[in-house]
Amino acid sequence: MNSRDKEFIAEAYSLVVQIEDLIKRYNYEDKVMSAIMLGIIDVDWDSDIKPGEEVQLKSVFSYNLDSRGELEMVKDIMDSQFKDDESLDDILGDLGISLN
């Protein structure tokens, strides 16, 4: 990981901490569902990557979830949003969540 990558990860971490602090400042720990994963793939793209070879991911994680069920819900929303052209309202409606 080069110095620019380290600077990026440090700044991203700082922003994640700000989000966590915002949730706490509003006392929204029980109202907010959040899951953040941000990472840099640390690989030399100029060299040949062999199948099965490990690639390093330098990452920052944060979550505000109460249960495995909430984690599964967030994963389902992200998976559906990534695969389909459905609107977020349609996806959330399928999970029993309304944005209204």
PDB file of N, CA and C in Angstrom:
ATOM      1  N   MET A   1       0.862  -1.158   0.000  1.00  0.00           N
ATOM      2  CA  MET A   1       0.000   0.000   0.000  1.00  0.00           C
ATOM      3  C   MET A   1       0.913   1.228   0.000  1.00  0.00           C
ATOM      4  N   ASN A   2       0.650   2.121  -0.927  1.00  0.00           N
ATOM      5  CA  ASN A   2       1.484   3.320  -1.004  1.00  0.00           C
ATOM      6  C   ASN A   2       0.961   4.418  -0.070  1.00  0.00           C
ATOM      7  N   SER A   3       1.688   5.508   0.019  1.00  0.00           N
ATOM      8  CA  SER A   3       1.319   6.570   0.963  1.00  0.00           C
ATOM      9  C   SER A   3      -0.015   7.216   0.600  1.00  0.00           C
ATOM     10  N   ARG A   4      -0.332   7.316  -0.682  1.00  0.00           N
ATOM     11  CA  ARG A   4      -1.621   7.884  -1.102  1.00  0.00           C
ATOM     12  C   ARG A   4      -2.775   6.993  -0.635  1.00  0.00           C
ATOM     13  N   ASP A   5      -2.602   5.681  -0.766  1.00  0.00           N
ATOM     14  CA  ASP A   5      -3.611   4.733  -0.292  1.00  0.00           C
ATOM     15  C   ASP A   5      -3.811   4.868   1.217  1.00  0.00           C
ATOM     16  N   LYS A   6      -2.708   4.973   1.950  1.00  0.00           N
ATOM     17  CA  LYS A   6      -2.785   5.118   3.410  1.00  0.00           C
ATOM     18  C   LYS A   6      -3.506   6.409   3.780  1.00  0.00           C
ATOM     19  N   GLU A   7      -3.211   7.485   3.055  1.00  0.00           N
ATOM     20  CA  GLU A   7      -3.879   8.764   3.311  1.00  0.00           C
ATOM     21  C   GLU A   7      -5.378   8.651   3.037  1.00  0.00           C
ATOM     22  N   PHE A   8      -5.739   7.965   1.958  1.00  0.00           N
ATOM     23  CA  PHE A   8      -7.144   7.770   1.613  1.00  0.00           C
ATOM     24  C   PHE A   8      -7.870   6.985   2.697  1.00  0.00           C
ATOM     25  N   ILE A   9      -7.296   5.867   3.121  1.00  0.00           N
ATOM     26  CA  ILE A   9      -7.922   5.034   4.151  1.00  0.00           C
ATOM     27  C   ILE A   9      -8.053   5.816   5.457  1.00  0.00           C
ATOM     28  N   ALA A  10      -7.030   6.597   5.815  1.00  0.00           N
ATOM     29  CA  ALA A  10      -7.095   7.398   7.043  1.00  0.00           C
ATOM     30  C   ALA A  10      -8.218   8.423   6.952  1.00  0.00           C
ATOM     31  N   GLU A  11      -8.354   9.092   5.801  1.00  0.00           N
ATOM     32  CA  GLU A  11      -9.418  10.083   5.656  1.00  0.00           C
ATOM     33  C   GLU A  11     -10.790   9.410   5.640  1.00  0.00           C
ATOM     34  N   ALA A  12     -10.902   8.268   4.977  1.00  0.00           N
ATOM     35  CA  ALA A  12     -12.166   7.532   4.962  1.00  0.00           C
ATOM     36  C   ALA A  12     -12.548   7.116   6.380  1.00  0.00           C
ATOM     37  N   TYR A  13     -11.584   6.631   7.152  1.00  0.00           N
ATOM     38  CA  TYR A  13     -11.841   6.247   8.532  1.00  0.00           C
ATOM     39  C   TYR A  13     -12.351   7.440   9.332  1.00  0.00           C
ATOM     40  N   SER A  14     -11.743   8.598   9.112  1.00  0.00           N
ATOM     41  CA  SER A  14     -12.173   9.818   9.797  1.00  0.00           C
ATOM     42  C   SER A  14     -13.637  10.135   9.480  1.00  0.00           C
ATOM     43  N   LEU A  15     -14.032   9.961   8.232  1.00  0.00           N
ATOM     44  CA  LEU A  15     -15.424  10.216   7.840  1.00  0.00           C
ATOM     45  C   LEU A  15     -16.373   9.199   8.479  1.00  0.00           C
ATOM     46  N   VAL A  16     -15.946   7.948   8.549  1.00  0.00           N
ATOM     47  CA  VAL A  16     -16.760   6.916   9.193  1.00  0.00           C
ATOM     48  C   VAL A  16     -16.965   7.257  10.662  1.00  0.00           C
ATOM     49  N   VAL A  17     -15.912   7.693  11.325  1.00  0.00           N
ATOM     50  CA  VAL A  17     -16.019   8.097  12.731  1.00  0.00           C
ATOM     51  C   VAL A  17     -16.999   9.265  12.860  1.00  0.00           C
ATOM     52  N   GLN A  18     -16.969  10.209  11.921  1.00  0.00           N
ATOM     53  CA  GLN A  18     -17.913  11.325  11.951  1.00  0.00           C
ATOM     54  C   GLN A  18     -19.360  10.833  11.820  1.00  0.00           C
ATOM     55  N   ILE A  19     -19.600   9.847  10.972  1.00  0.00           N
ATOM     56  CA  ILE A  19     -20.939   9.284  10.823  1.00  0.00           C
ATOM     57  C   ILE A  19     -21.369   8.608  12.124  1.00  0.00           C
ATOM     58  N   GLU A  20     -20.464   7.833  12.714  1.00  0.00           N
ATOM     59  CA  GLU A  20     -20.777   7.183  13.991  1.00  0.00           C
ATOM     60  C   GLU A  20     -21.084   8.218  15.070  1.00  0.00           C
ATOM     61  N   ASP A  21     -20.304   9.290  15.101  1.00  0.00           N
ATOM     62  CA  ASP A  21     -20.534  10.356  16.075  1.00  0.00           C
ATOM     63  C   ASP A  21     -21.868  11.054  15.835  1.00  0.00           C
ATOM     64  N   LEU A  22     -22.232  11.263  14.593  1.00  0.00           N
ATOM     65  CA  LEU A  22     -23.514  11.884  14.248  1.00  0.00           C
ATOM     66  C   LEU A  22     -24.677  11.039  14.772  1.00  0.00           C
ATOM     67  N   ILE A  23     -24.598   9.746  14.572  1.00  0.00           N
ATOM     68  CA  ILE A  23     -25.640   8.831  15.061  1.00  0.00           C
ATOM     69  C   ILE A  23     -25.755   8.945  16.579  1.00  0.00           C
ATOM     70  N   LYS A  24     -24.619   8.962  17.264  1.00  0.00           N
ATOM     71  CA  LYS A  24     -24.620   9.067  18.725  1.00  0.00           C
ATOM     72  C   LYS A  24     -25.119  10.433  19.193  1.00  0.00           C
ATOM     73  N   ARG A  25     -24.698  11.505  18.509  1.00  0.00           N
ATOM     74  CA  ARG A  25     -25.093  12.861  18.909  1.00  0.00           C
ATOM     75  C   ARG A  25     -26.607  13.043  18.845  1.00  0.00           C
ATOM     76  N   TYR A  26     -27.251  12.397  17.889  1.00  0.00           N
ATOM     77  CA  TYR A  26     -28.704  12.482  17.763  1.00  0.00           C
ATOM     78  C   TYR A  26     -29.412  11.402  18.587  1.00  0.00           C
ATOM     79  N   ASN A  27     -28.639  10.571  19.272  1.00  0.00           N
ATOM     80  CA  ASN A  27     -29.205   9.441  20.018  1.00  0.00           C
ATOM     81  C   ASN A  27     -30.051   8.548  19.113  1.00  0.00           C
ATOM     82  N   TYR A  28     -29.542   8.285  17.934  1.00  0.00           N
ATOM     83  CA  TYR A  28     -30.258   7.486  16.938  1.00  0.00           C
ATOM     84  C   TYR A  28     -29.715   6.056  16.838  1.00  0.00           C
ATOM     85  N   GLU A  29     -28.998   5.619  17.856  1.00  0.00           N
ATOM     86  CA  GLU A  29     -28.464   4.256  17.793  1.00  0.00           C
ATOM     87  C   GLU A  29     -29.563   3.225  17.567  1.00  0.00           C
ATOM     88  N   ASP A  30     -30.763   3.477  18.126  1.00  0.00           N
ATOM     89  CA  ASP A  30     -31.871   2.530  17.966  1.00  0.00           C
ATOM     90  C   ASP A  30     -32.733   2.832  16.750  1.00  0.00           C
ATOM     91  N   LYS A  31     -32.464   3.934  16.036  1.00  0.00           N
ATOM     92  CA  LYS A  31     -33.266   4.329  14.878  1.00  0.00           C
ATOM     93  C   LYS A  31     -32.550   4.139  13.549  1.00  0.00           C
ATOM     94  N   VAL A  32     -31.236   4.064  13.595  1.00  0.00           N
ATOM     95  CA  VAL A  32     -30.442   4.027  12.367  1.00  0.00           C
ATOM     96  C   VAL A  32     -29.875   2.634  12.153  1.00  0.00           C
ATOM     97  N   MET A  33     -30.042   2.147  10.930  1.00  0.00           N
ATOM     98  CA  MET A  33     -29.353   0.932  10.508  1.00  0.00           C
ATOM     99  C   MET A  33     -28.265   1.386   9.551  1.00  0.00           C
ATOM    100  N   SER A  34     -27.037   1.039   9.853  1.00  0.00           N
ATOM    101  CA  SER A  34     -25.952   1.408   8.953  1.00  0.00           C
ATOM    102  C   SER A  34     -24.949   0.271   8.864  1.00  0.00           C
ATOM    103  N   ALA A  35     -24.391   0.135   7.688  1.00  0.00           N
ATOM    104  CA  ALA A  35     -23.320  -0.828   7.456  1.00  0.00           C
ATOM    105  C   ALA A  35     -22.417  -0.224   6.386  1.00  0.00           C
ATOM    106  N   ILE A  36     -21.188   0.036   6.767  1.00  0.00           N
ATOM    107  CA  ILE A  36     -20.245   0.663   5.863  1.00  0.00           C
ATOM    108  C   ILE A  36     -19.034  -0.248   5.723  1.00  0.00           C
ATOM    109  N   MET A  37     -18.641  -0.481   4.492  1.00  0.00           N
ATOM    110  CA  MET A  37     -17.405  -1.205   4.204  1.00  0.00           C
ATOM    111  C   MET A  37     -16.782  -0.497   3.021  1.00  0.00           C
ATOM    112  N   LEU A  38     -15.588   0.000   3.207  1.00  0.00           N
ATOM    113  CA  LEU A  38     -14.894   0.696   2.147  1.00  0.00           C
ATOM    114  C   LEU A  38     -13.477   0.164   2.120  1.00  0.00           C
ATOM    115  N   GLY A  39     -12.995  -0.185   0.948  1.00  0.00           N
ATOM    116  CA  GLY A  39     -11.654  -0.751   0.896  1.00  0.00           C
ATOM    117  C   GLY A  39     -10.929  -0.452  -0.393  1.00  0.00           C
ATOM    118  N   ILE A  40      -9.638  -0.587  -0.317  1.00  0.00           N
ATOM    119  CA  ILE A  40      -8.764  -0.440  -1.483  1.00  0.00           C
ATOM    120  C   ILE A  40      -8.176  -1.809  -1.772  1.00  0.00           C
ATOM    121  N   ILE A  41      -8.294  -2.230  -3.006  1.00  0.00           N
ATOM    122  CA  ILE A  41      -7.679  -3.492  -3.429  1.00  0.00           C
ATOM    123  C   ILE A  41      -6.193  -3.220  -3.598  1.00  0.00           C
ATOM    124  N   ASP A  42      -5.390  -3.942  -2.849  1.00  0.00           N
ATOM    125  CA  ASP A  42      -3.948  -3.749  -2.858  1.00  0.00           C
ATOM    126  C   ASP A  42      -3.320  -4.847  -3.715  1.00  0.00           C
ATOM    127  N   VAL A  43      -3.218  -4.559  -5.001  1.00  0.00           N
ATOM    128  CA  VAL A  43      -2.676  -5.546  -5.931  1.00  0.00           C
ATOM    129  C   VAL A  43      -1.891  -4.814  -7.012  1.00  0.00           C
ATOM    130  N   ASP A  44      -0.894  -5.455  -7.529  1.00  0.00           N
ATOM    131  CA  ASP A  44      -0.128  -4.907  -8.643  1.00  0.00           C
ATOM    132  C   ASP A  44      -0.813  -5.368  -9.928  1.00  0.00           C
ATOM    133  N   TRP A  45      -1.578  -4.471 -10.537  1.00  0.00           N
ATOM    134  CA  TRP A  45      -2.357  -4.820 -11.725  1.00  0.00           C
ATOM    135  C   TRP A  45      -1.470  -5.106 -12.929  1.00  0.00           C
ATOM    136  N   ASP A  46      -0.205  -4.684 -12.856  1.00  0.00           N
ATOM    137  CA  ASP A  46       0.705  -4.921 -13.976  1.00  0.00           C
ATOM    138  C   ASP A  46       1.286  -6.326 -13.972  1.00  0.00           C
ATOM    139  N   SER A  47       1.212  -7.003 -12.842  1.00  0.00           N
ATOM    140  CA  SER A  47       1.714  -8.371 -12.788  1.00  0.00           C
ATOM    141  C   SER A  47       0.563  -9.339 -13.019  1.00  0.00           C
ATOM    142  N   ASP A  48       0.912 -10.521 -13.418  1.00  0.00           N
ATOM    143  CA  ASP A  48      -0.109 -11.542 -13.651  1.00  0.00           C
ATOM    144  C   ASP A  48      -0.638 -12.055 -12.324  1.00  0.00           C
ATOM    145  N   ILE A  49      -1.967 -12.015 -12.166  1.00  0.00           N
ATOM    146  CA  ILE A  49      -2.604 -12.571 -10.970  1.00  0.00           C
ATOM    147  C   ILE A  49      -3.048 -13.976 -11.323  1.00  0.00           C
ATOM    148  N   LYS A  50      -2.583 -14.927 -10.564  1.00  0.00           N
ATOM    149  CA  LYS A  50      -2.908 -16.329 -10.832  1.00  0.00           C
ATOM    150  C   LYS A  50      -4.204 -16.709 -10.132  1.00  0.00           C
ATOM    151  N   PRO A  51      -5.021 -17.561 -10.759  1.00  0.00           N
ATOM    152  CA  PRO A  51      -6.249 -18.021 -10.108  1.00  0.00           C
ATOM    153  C   PRO A  51      -5.940 -18.634  -8.741  1.00  0.00           C
ATOM    154  N   GLY A  52      -6.747 -18.263  -7.761  1.00  0.00           N
ATOM    155  CA  GLY A  52      -6.561 -18.762  -6.400  1.00  0.00           C
ATOM    156  C   GLY A  52      -5.586 -17.953  -5.581  1.00  0.00           C
ATOM    157  N   GLU A  53      -4.899 -17.017  -6.227  1.00  0.00           N
ATOM    158  CA  GLU A  53      -3.948 -16.163  -5.513  1.00  0.00           C
ATOM    159  C   GLU A  53      -4.711 -15.136  -4.685  1.00  0.00           C
ATOM    160  N   GLU A  54      -4.251 -14.893  -3.463  1.00  0.00           N
ATOM    161  CA  GLU A  54      -4.928 -13.935  -2.593  1.00  0.00           C
ATOM    162  C   GLU A  54      -4.638 -12.506  -3.021  1.00  0.00           C
ATOM    163  N   VAL A  55      -5.662 -11.669  -2.925  1.00  0.00           N
ATOM    164  CA  VAL A  55      -5.530 -10.246  -3.173  1.00  0.00           C
ATOM    165  C   VAL A  55      -5.857  -9.551  -1.865  1.00  0.00           C
ATOM    166  N   GLN A  56      -5.030  -8.606  -1.465  1.00  0.00           N
ATOM    167  CA  GLN A  56      -5.231  -7.904  -0.195  1.00  0.00           C
ATOM    168  C   GLN A  56      -6.248  -6.779  -0.366  1.00  0.00           C
ATOM    169  N   LEU A  57      -7.096  -6.605   0.626  1.00  0.00           N
ATOM    170  CA  LEU A  57      -8.062  -5.520   0.662  1.00  0.00           C
ATOM    171  C   LEU A  57      -7.839  -4.756   1.956  1.00  0.00           C
ATOM    172  N   LYS A  58      -7.381  -3.532   1.828  1.00  0.00           N
ATOM    173  CA  LYS A  58      -7.194  -2.664   2.993  1.00  0.00           C
ATOM    174  C   LYS A  58      -8.513  -1.943   3.198  1.00  0.00           C
ATOM    175  N   SER A  59      -9.148  -2.148   4.346  1.00  0.00           N
ATOM    176  CA  SER A  59     -10.528  -1.691   4.460  1.00  0.00           C
ATOM    177  C   SER A  59     -10.866  -1.067   5.811  1.00  0.00           C
ATOM    178  N   VAL A  60     -12.002  -0.371   5.794  1.00  0.00           N
ATOM    179  CA  VAL A  60     -12.594   0.255   6.963  1.00  0.00           C
ATOM    180  C   VAL A  60     -14.008  -0.303   7.089  1.00  0.00           C
ATOM    181  N   PHE A  61     -14.392  -0.718   8.288  1.00  0.00           N
ATOM    182  CA  PHE A  61     -15.725  -1.264   8.541  1.00  0.00           C
ATOM    183  C   PHE A  61     -16.409  -0.490   9.649  1.00  0.00           C
ATOM    184  N   SER A  62     -17.709  -0.369   9.550  1.00  0.00           N
ATOM    185  CA  SER A  62     -18.509   0.188  10.633  1.00  0.00           C
ATOM    186  C   SER A  62     -19.936  -0.309  10.447  1.00  0.00           C
ATOM    187  N   TYR A  63     -20.594  -0.580  11.540  1.00  0.00           N
ATOM    188  CA  TYR A  63     -22.001  -0.944  11.438  1.00  0.00           C
ATOM    189  C   TYR A  63     -22.742  -0.549  12.694  1.00  0.00           C
ATOM    190  N   ASN A  64     -24.017  -0.286  12.510  1.00  0.00           N
ATOM    191  CA  ASN A  64     -24.920  -0.008  13.621  1.00  0.00           C
ATOM    192  C   ASN A  64     -26.149  -0.885  13.387  1.00  0.00           C
ATOM    193  N   LEU A  65     -26.029  -2.125  13.803  1.00  0.00           N
ATOM    194  CA  LEU A  65     -27.090  -3.117  13.610  1.00  0.00           C
ATOM    195  C   LEU A  65     -27.300  -3.841  14.935  1.00  0.00           C
ATOM    196  N   ASP A  66     -28.561  -4.190  15.217  1.00  0.00           N
ATOM    197  CA  ASP A  66     -28.885  -4.833  16.491  1.00  0.00           C
ATOM    198  C   ASP A  66     -28.882  -6.349  16.453  1.00  0.00           C
ATOM    199  N   SER A  67     -28.938  -6.906  15.244  1.00  0.00           N
ATOM    200  CA  SER A  67     -29.095  -8.352  15.184  1.00  0.00           C
ATOM    201  C   SER A  67     -28.615  -8.893  13.842  1.00  0.00           C
ATOM    202  N   ARG A  68     -28.476 -10.187  13.798  1.00  0.00           N
ATOM    203  CA  ARG A  68     -28.131 -10.859  12.549  1.00  0.00           C
ATOM    204  C   ARG A  68     -29.244 -10.629  11.526  1.00  0.00           C
ATOM    205  N   GLY A  69     -30.497 -10.534  11.995  1.00  0.00           N
ATOM    206  CA  GLY A  69     -31.625 -10.272  11.096  1.00  0.00           C
ATOM    207  C   GLY A  69     -31.481  -8.928  10.394  1.00  0.00           C
ATOM    208  N   GLU A  70     -31.064  -7.902  11.147  1.00  0.00           N
ATOM    209  CA  GLU A  70     -30.841  -6.596  10.520  1.00  0.00           C
ATOM    210  C   GLU A  70     -29.682  -6.653   9.533  1.00  0.00           C
ATOM    211  N   LEU A  71     -28.640  -7.398   9.878  1.00  0.00           N
ATOM    212  CA  LEU A  71     -27.524  -7.578   8.949  1.00  0.00           C
ATOM    213  C   LEU A  71     -28.007  -8.237   7.662  1.00  0.00           C
ATOM    214  N   GLU A  72     -28.803  -9.275   7.800  1.00  0.00           N
ATOM    215  CA  GLU A  72     -29.326  -9.967   6.613  1.00  0.00           C
ATOM    216  C   GLU A  72     -30.194  -9.030   5.777  1.00  0.00           C
ATOM    217  N   MET A  73     -30.979  -8.178   6.436  1.00  0.00           N
ATOM    218  CA  MET A  73     -31.821  -7.224   5.729  1.00  0.00           C
ATOM    219  C   MET A  73     -30.964  -6.250   4.918  1.00  0.00           C
ATOM    220  N   VAL A  74     -29.905  -5.724   5.535  1.00  0.00           N
ATOM    221  CA  VAL A  74     -29.015  -4.800   4.837  1.00  0.00           C
ATOM    222  C   VAL A  74     -28.343  -5.504   3.662  1.00  0.00           C
ATOM    223  N   LYS A  75     -27.898  -6.729   3.880  1.00  0.00           N
ATOM    224  CA  LYS A  75     -27.270  -7.487   2.788  1.00  0.00           C
ATOM    225  C   LYS A  75     -28.264  -7.732   1.659  1.00  0.00           C
ATOM    226  N   ASP A  76     -29.505  -8.071   1.996  1.00  0.00           N
ATOM    227  CA  ASP A  76     -30.537  -8.296   0.978  1.00  0.00           C
ATOM    228  C   ASP A  76     -30.806  -7.024   0.176  1.00  0.00           C
ATOM    229  N   ILE A  77     -30.884  -5.884   0.864  1.00  0.00           N
ATOM    230  CA  ILE A  77     -31.116  -4.613   0.174  1.00  0.00           C
ATOM    231  C   ILE A  77     -29.963  -4.323  -0.780  1.00  0.00           C
ATOM    232  N   MET A  78     -28.741  -4.482  -0.300  1.00  0.00           N
ATOM    233  CA  MET A  78     -27.577  -4.207  -1.137  1.00  0.00           C
ATOM    234  C   MET A  78     -27.503  -5.170  -2.306  1.00  0.00           C
ATOM    235  N   ASP A  79     -27.770  -6.433  -2.061  1.00  0.00           N
ATOM    236  CA  ASP A  79     -27.734  -7.431  -3.118  1.00  0.00           C
ATOM    237  C   ASP A  79     -28.794  -7.136  -4.178  1.00  0.00           C
ATOM    238  N   SER A  80     -29.996  -6.831  -3.746  1.00  0.00           N
ATOM    239  CA  SER A  80     -31.076  -6.521  -4.684  1.00  0.00           C
ATOM    240  C   SER A  80     -30.772  -5.263  -5.477  1.00  0.00           C
ATOM    241  N   GLN A  81     -30.248  -4.253  -4.805  1.00  0.00           N
ATOM    242  CA  GLN A  81     -29.935  -2.988  -5.477  1.00  0.00           C
ATOM    243  C   GLN A  81     -28.830  -3.182  -6.507  1.00  0.00           C
ATOM    244  N   PHE A  82     -27.884  -4.018  -6.207  1.00  0.00           N
ATOM    245  CA  PHE A  82     -26.763  -4.252  -7.106  1.00  0.00           C
ATOM    246  C   PHE A  82     -27.191  -5.023  -8.351  1.00  0.00           C
ATOM    247  N   LYS A  83     -28.034  -6.023  -8.192  1.00  0.00           N
ATOM    248  CA  LYS A  83     -28.411  -6.906  -9.288  1.00  0.00           C
ATOM    249  C   LYS A  83     -29.523  -6.371 -10.166  1.00  0.00           C
ATOM    250  N   ASP A  84     -30.468  -5.670  -9.571  1.00  0.00           N
ATOM    251  CA  ASP A  84     -31.684  -5.325 -10.286  1.00  0.00           C
ATOM    252  C   ASP A  84     -31.759  -3.839 -10.592  1.00  0.00           C
ATOM    253  N   ASP A  85     -32.644  -3.521 -11.526  1.00  0.00           N
ATOM    254  CA  ASP A  85     -32.915  -2.126 -11.845  1.00  0.00           C
ATOM    255  C   ASP A  85     -34.143  -1.626 -11.100  1.00  0.00           C
ATOM    256  N   GLU A  86     -34.579  -2.378 -10.082  1.00  0.00           N
ATOM    257  CA  GLU A  86     -35.729  -1.964  -9.293  1.00  0.00           C
ATOM    258  C   GLU A  86     -35.407  -0.681  -8.553  1.00  0.00           C
ATOM    259  N   SER A  87     -36.443   0.069  -8.231  1.00  0.00           N
ATOM    260  CA  SER A  87     -36.235   1.267  -7.423  1.00  0.00           C
ATOM    261  C   SER A  87     -35.997   0.846  -5.977  1.00  0.00           C
ATOM    262  N   LEU A  88     -35.377   1.724  -5.207  1.00  0.00           N
ATOM    263  CA  LEU A  88     -35.138   1.447  -3.801  1.00  0.00           C
ATOM    264  C   LEU A  88     -36.462   1.260  -3.063  1.00  0.00           C
ATOM    265  N   ASP A  89     -37.501   2.024  -3.446  1.00  0.00           N
ATOM    266  CA  ASP A  89     -38.820   1.869  -2.823  1.00  0.00           C
ATOM    267  C   ASP A  89     -39.349   0.448  -3.016  1.00  0.00           C
ATOM    268  N   ASP A  90     -39.184  -0.116  -4.236  1.00  0.00           N
ATOM    269  CA  ASP A  90     -39.652  -1.478  -4.504  1.00  0.00           C
ATOM    270  C   ASP A  90     -38.902  -2.496  -3.637  1.00  0.00           C
ATOM    271  N   ILE A  91     -37.597  -2.331  -3.550  1.00  0.00           N
ATOM    272  CA  ILE A  91     -36.778  -3.265  -2.776  1.00  0.00           C
ATOM    273  C   ILE A  91     -37.154  -3.204  -1.305  1.00  0.00           C
ATOM    274  N   LEU A  92     -37.243  -1.993  -0.760  1.00  0.00           N
ATOM    275  CA  LEU A  92     -37.571  -1.844   0.644  1.00  0.00           C
ATOM    276  C   LEU A  92     -38.989  -2.318   0.933  1.00  0.00           C
ATOM    277  N   GLY A  93     -39.905  -2.072  -0.011  1.00  0.00           N
ATOM    278  CA  GLY A  93     -41.275  -2.533   0.162  1.00  0.00           C
ATOM    279  C   GLY A  93     -41.336  -4.047   0.268  1.00  0.00           C
ATOM    280  N   ASP A  94     -40.502  -4.743  -0.525  1.00  0.00           N
ATOM    281  CA  ASP A  94     -40.460  -6.197  -0.458  1.00  0.00           C
ATOM    282  C   ASP A  94     -39.981  -6.681   0.909  1.00  0.00           C
ATOM    283  N   LEU A  95     -39.215  -5.840   1.598  1.00  0.00           N
ATOM    284  CA  LEU A  95     -38.695  -6.206   2.918  1.00  0.00           C
ATOM    285  C   LEU A  95     -39.566  -5.661   4.051  1.00  0.00           C
ATOM    286  N   GLY A  96     -40.686  -5.004   3.682  1.00  0.00           N
ATOM    287  CA  GLY A  96     -41.590  -4.464   4.693  1.00  0.00           C
ATOM    288  C   GLY A  96     -41.145  -3.126   5.260  1.00  0.00           C
ATOM    289  N   ILE A  97     -40.328  -2.400   4.484  1.00  0.00           N
ATOM    290  CA  ILE A  97     -39.832  -1.097   4.932  1.00  0.00           C
ATOM    291  C   ILE A  97     -40.371  -0.026   3.980  1.00  0.00           C
ATOM    292  N   SER A  98     -40.815   1.091   4.534  1.00  0.00           N
ATOM    293  CA  SER A  98     -41.305   2.214   3.729  1.00  0.00           C
ATOM    294  C   SER A  98     -40.441   3.426   3.969  1.00  0.00           C
ATOM    295  N   LEU A  99     -40.174   4.197   2.901  1.00  0.00           N
ATOM    296  CA  LEU A  99     -39.407   5.435   3.032  1.00  0.00           C
ATOM    297  C   LEU A  99     -40.312   6.614   3.337  1.00  0.00           C
ATOM    298  N   ASN A 100     -41.621   6.388   3.427  1.00  0.00           N
ATOM    299  CA  ASN A 100     -42.558   7.503   3.700  1.00  0.00           C
ATOM    300  C   ASN A 100     -42.529   7.893   5.150  1.00  0.00           C
TER     301      ASN A 100
END
